[in-house]
Amino acid sequence: MSRAGLAGRLGTRGQRALAVELLRAGIGITHLLGARRALGRPAVLGRVLGVRQLGQAGLVLRAGTADAHTVSAVVDATHGVTMVPLALIDRQSRRFAVRQLWIATLLTVLEVALVGRGQR
């Protein structure tokens, strides 16, 4: 593949990575803003998750490697799995947990799609 072709592919991959991390940062900001209106456990969880999403977006963008996106996908998948028991057990946090499960699933899929199968 020519240098121009390779640069084009990497540029497109970089743009997709930027879009995913900007989406993540937007989700983090939304969590922080939403936590201001919430009460109880969802408010605390919203603040913690907002900070985590912003930090994760910054770290992954700074690293910019496939490994960073892989670790990010693992963090998102783990977060999604931890929301299942919360949704089943805690009535007060159920809606929050279900939304988090959907968000975590979306971000995991997007991060994995960026990395692909890892073959060159």
C-alpha atoms as a PDB file:
ATOM      1  CA  MET A   1       0.000   0.000   0.000  1.00  0.00           C
ATOM      2  CA  SER A   2       1.332   3.458  -0.841  1.00  0.00           C
ATOM      3  CA  ARG A   3       2.079   6.035   1.828  1.00  0.00           C
ATOM      4  CA  ALA A   4      -0.829   8.179   0.660  1.00  0.00           C
ATOM      5  CA  GLY A   5      -3.197   5.210   0.906  1.00  0.00           C
ATOM      6  CA  LEU A   6      -1.904   4.275   4.348  1.00  0.00           C
ATOM      7  CA  ALA A   7      -2.136   7.870   5.586  1.00  0.00           C
ATOM      8  CA  GLY A   8      -5.710   8.043   4.333  1.00  0.00           C
ATOM      9  CA  ARG A   9      -6.664   4.870   6.199  1.00  0.00           C
ATOM     10  CA  LEU A  10      -4.966   5.989   9.397  1.00  0.00           C
ATOM     11  CA  GLY A  11      -6.538   9.426   9.091  1.00  0.00           C
ATOM     12  CA  THR A  12      -9.978   7.883   8.758  1.00  0.00           C
ATOM     13  CA  ARG A  13      -9.319   5.547  11.703  1.00  0.00           C
ATOM     14  CA  GLY A  14      -8.064   8.523  13.702  1.00  0.00           C
ATOM     15  CA  GLN A  15     -11.208  10.479  12.861  1.00  0.00           C
ATOM     16  CA  ARG A  16     -13.383   7.555  13.975  1.00  0.00           C
ATOM     17  CA  ALA A  17     -11.383   7.241  17.197  1.00  0.00           C
ATOM     18  CA  LEU A  18     -11.796  10.957  17.833  1.00  0.00           C
ATOM     19  CA  ALA A  19     -15.545  10.686  17.203  1.00  0.00           C
ATOM     20  CA  VAL A  20     -15.878   7.794  19.686  1.00  0.00           C
ATOM     21  CA  GLU A  21     -13.934   9.613  22.388  1.00  0.00           C
ATOM     22  CA  LEU A  22     -15.845  12.856  21.798  1.00  0.00           C
ATOM     23  CA  LEU A  23     -19.058  10.841  22.167  1.00  0.00           C
ATOM     24  CA  ARG A  24     -17.671   9.405  25.411  1.00  0.00           C
ATOM     25  CA  ALA A  25     -16.761  12.896  26.672  1.00  0.00           C
ATOM     26  CA  GLY A  26     -20.251  14.112  25.762  1.00  0.00           C
ATOM     27  CA  ILE A  27     -21.738  11.229  27.743  1.00  0.00           C
ATOM     28  CA  GLY A  28     -19.521  12.170  30.683  1.00  0.00           C
ATOM     29  CA  ILE A  29     -20.663  15.783  30.562  1.00  0.00           C
ATOM     30  CA  THR A  30     -24.280  14.631  30.305  1.00  0.00           C
ATOM     31  CA  HIS A  31     -23.782  12.453  33.401  1.00  0.00           C
ATOM     32  CA  LEU A  32     -22.361  15.378  35.343  1.00  0.00           C
ATOM     33  CA  LEU A  33     -25.155  17.715  34.303  1.00  0.00           C
ATOM     34  CA  GLY A  34     -27.827  15.080  34.959  1.00  0.00           C
ATOM     35  CA  ALA A  35     -26.404  14.336  38.394  1.00  0.00           C
ATOM     36  CA  ARG A  36     -27.144  17.925  39.418  1.00  0.00           C
ATOM     37  CA  ARG A  37     -30.869  17.234  39.027  1.00  0.00           C
ATOM     38  CA  ALA A  38     -30.876  13.698  40.449  1.00  0.00           C
ATOM     39  CA  LEU A  39     -31.161  12.600  44.060  1.00  0.00           C
ATOM     40  CA  GLY A  40     -29.730   9.732  46.053  1.00  0.00           C
ATOM     41  CA  ARG A  41     -27.613   6.935  44.637  1.00  0.00           C
ATOM     42  CA  PRO A  42     -28.185   7.809  40.941  1.00  0.00           C
ATOM     43  CA  ALA A  43     -26.792  11.301  41.582  1.00  0.00           C
ATOM     44  CA  VAL A  44     -23.617   9.932  43.160  1.00  0.00           C
ATOM     45  CA  LEU A  45     -23.220   7.295  40.449  1.00  0.00           C
ATOM     46  CA  GLY A  46     -23.799   9.907  37.765  1.00  0.00           C
ATOM     47  CA  ARG A  47     -21.038  12.110  39.131  1.00  0.00           C
ATOM     48  CA  VAL A  48     -18.581   9.248  39.444  1.00  0.00           C
ATOM     49  CA  LEU A  49     -19.375   7.964  35.960  1.00  0.00           C
ATOM     50  CA  GLY A  50     -19.206  11.432  34.451  1.00  0.00           C
ATOM     51  CA  VAL A  51     -15.700  11.938  35.795  1.00  0.00           C
ATOM     52  CA  ARG A  52     -14.705   8.412  34.712  1.00  0.00           C
ATOM     53  CA  GLN A  53     -15.992   8.918  31.162  1.00  0.00           C
ATOM     54  CA  LEU A  54     -14.184  12.258  30.795  1.00  0.00           C
ATOM     55  CA  GLY A  55     -10.965  10.820  32.199  1.00  0.00           C
ATOM     56  CA  GLN A  56     -11.198   7.720  30.029  1.00  0.00           C
ATOM     57  CA  ALA A  57     -11.788   9.786  26.890  1.00  0.00           C
ATOM     58  CA  GLY A  58      -8.772  11.968  27.662  1.00  0.00           C
ATOM     59  CA  LEU A  59      -6.481   9.038  28.414  1.00  0.00           C
ATOM     60  CA  VAL A  60      -7.478   7.063  25.323  1.00  0.00           C
ATOM     61  CA  LEU A  61      -7.094  10.105  23.066  1.00  0.00           C
ATOM     62  CA  ARG A  62      -3.708  10.872  24.609  1.00  0.00           C
ATOM     63  CA  ALA A  63      -2.463   7.304  24.153  1.00  0.00           C
ATOM     64  CA  GLY A  64      -4.016   6.921  20.717  1.00  0.00           C
ATOM     65  CA  THR A  65      -3.064   3.248  20.454  1.00  0.00           C
ATOM     66  CA  ALA A  66      -5.047   0.139  19.638  1.00  0.00           C
ATOM     67  CA  ASP A  67      -4.145  -1.189  23.088  1.00  0.00           C
ATOM     68  CA  ALA A  68      -5.701   1.876  24.708  1.00  0.00           C
ATOM     69  CA  HIS A  69      -8.927   1.264  22.797  1.00  0.00           C
ATOM     70  CA  THR A  70      -8.853  -2.411  23.789  1.00  0.00           C
ATOM     71  CA  VAL A  71      -8.449  -1.541  27.480  1.00  0.00           C
ATOM     72  CA  SER A  72     -11.205   1.049  27.095  1.00  0.00           C
ATOM     73  CA  ALA A  73     -13.516  -1.618  25.649  1.00  0.00           C
ATOM     74  CA  VAL A  74     -12.741  -3.916  28.588  1.00  0.00           C
ATOM     75  CA  VAL A  75     -13.528  -1.108  31.059  1.00  0.00           C
ATOM     76  CA  ASP A  76     -16.837  -0.428  29.280  1.00  0.00           C
ATOM     77  CA  ALA A  77     -17.776  -4.117  29.136  1.00  0.00           C
ATOM     78  CA  THR A  78     -16.964  -4.543  32.838  1.00  0.00           C
ATOM     79  CA  HIS A  79     -19.068  -1.508  33.652  1.00  0.00           C
ATOM     80  CA  GLY A  80     -21.988  -2.950  31.679  1.00  0.00           C
ATOM     81  CA  VAL A  81     -21.751  -6.278  33.486  1.00  0.00           C
ATOM     82  CA  THR A  82     -21.764  -4.564  36.887  1.00  0.00           C
ATOM     83  CA  MET A  83     -24.969  -2.741  35.982  1.00  0.00           C
ATOM     84  CA  VAL A  84     -26.957  -5.981  35.554  1.00  0.00           C
ATOM     85  CA  PRO A  85     -27.149  -6.877  39.280  1.00  0.00           C
ATOM     86  CA  LEU A  86     -27.832  -3.237  40.140  1.00  0.00           C
ATOM     87  CA  ALA A  87     -30.748  -3.187  37.695  1.00  0.00           C
ATOM     88  CA  LEU A  88     -32.120  -6.430  39.121  1.00  0.00           C
ATOM     89  CA  ILE A  89     -31.706  -5.664  42.828  1.00  0.00           C
ATOM     90  CA  ASP A  90     -31.962  -1.915  43.388  1.00  0.00           C
ATOM     91  CA  ARG A  91     -35.349  -0.515  42.453  1.00  0.00           C
ATOM     92  CA  GLN A  92     -34.222   3.102  42.999  1.00  0.00           C
ATOM     93  CA  SER A  93     -31.330   2.737  40.520  1.00  0.00           C
ATOM     94  CA  ARG A  94     -32.987   0.444  37.969  1.00  0.00           C
ATOM     95  CA  ARG A  95     -33.586   3.025  35.207  1.00  0.00           C
ATOM     96  CA  PHE A  96     -30.108   4.431  35.673  1.00  0.00           C
ATOM     97  CA  ALA A  97     -28.531   0.945  35.543  1.00  0.00           C
ATOM     98  CA  VAL A  98     -30.418  -0.056  32.389  1.00  0.00           C
ATOM     99  CA  ARG A  99     -29.350   3.166  30.645  1.00  0.00           C
ATOM    100  CA  GLN A 100     -25.779   2.504  31.723  1.00  0.00           C
ATOM    101  CA  LEU A 101     -25.945  -1.013  30.347  1.00  0.00           C
ATOM    102  CA  TRP A 102     -26.990   0.352  26.944  1.00  0.00           C
ATOM    103  CA  ILE A 103     -24.307   3.051  27.004  1.00  0.00           C
ATOM    104  CA  ALA A 104     -21.617   0.577  28.050  1.00  0.00           C
ATOM    105  CA  THR A 105     -22.672  -1.843  25.303  1.00  0.00           C
ATOM    106  CA  LEU A 106     -22.585   0.909  22.666  1.00  0.00           C
ATOM    107  CA  LEU A 107     -19.154   2.160  23.730  1.00  0.00           C
ATOM    108  CA  THR A 108     -17.755  -1.382  23.917  1.00  0.00           C
ATOM    109  CA  VAL A 109     -18.941  -2.132  20.388  1.00  0.00           C
ATOM    110  CA  LEU A 110     -17.531   1.155  19.066  1.00  0.00           C
ATOM    111  CA  GLU A 111     -14.141   0.614  20.720  1.00  0.00           C
ATOM    112  CA  VAL A 112     -13.897  -2.965  19.451  1.00  0.00           C
ATOM    113  CA  ALA A 113     -14.865  -1.814  15.958  1.00  0.00           C
ATOM    114  CA  LEU A 114     -11.977   0.676  16.035  1.00  0.00           C
ATOM    115  CA  VAL A 115      -9.463  -2.022  16.900  1.00  0.00           C
ATOM    116  CA  GLY A 116     -10.899  -4.768  14.711  1.00  0.00           C
ATOM    117  CA  ARG A 117      -9.384  -8.225  14.994  1.00  0.00           C
ATOM    118  CA  GLY A 118      -5.929  -6.869  15.658  1.00  0.00           C
ATOM    119  CA  GLN A 119      -4.443  -8.366  12.492  1.00  0.00           C
ATOM    120  CA  ARG A 120      -2.138  -6.352  10.253  1.00  0.00           C
END
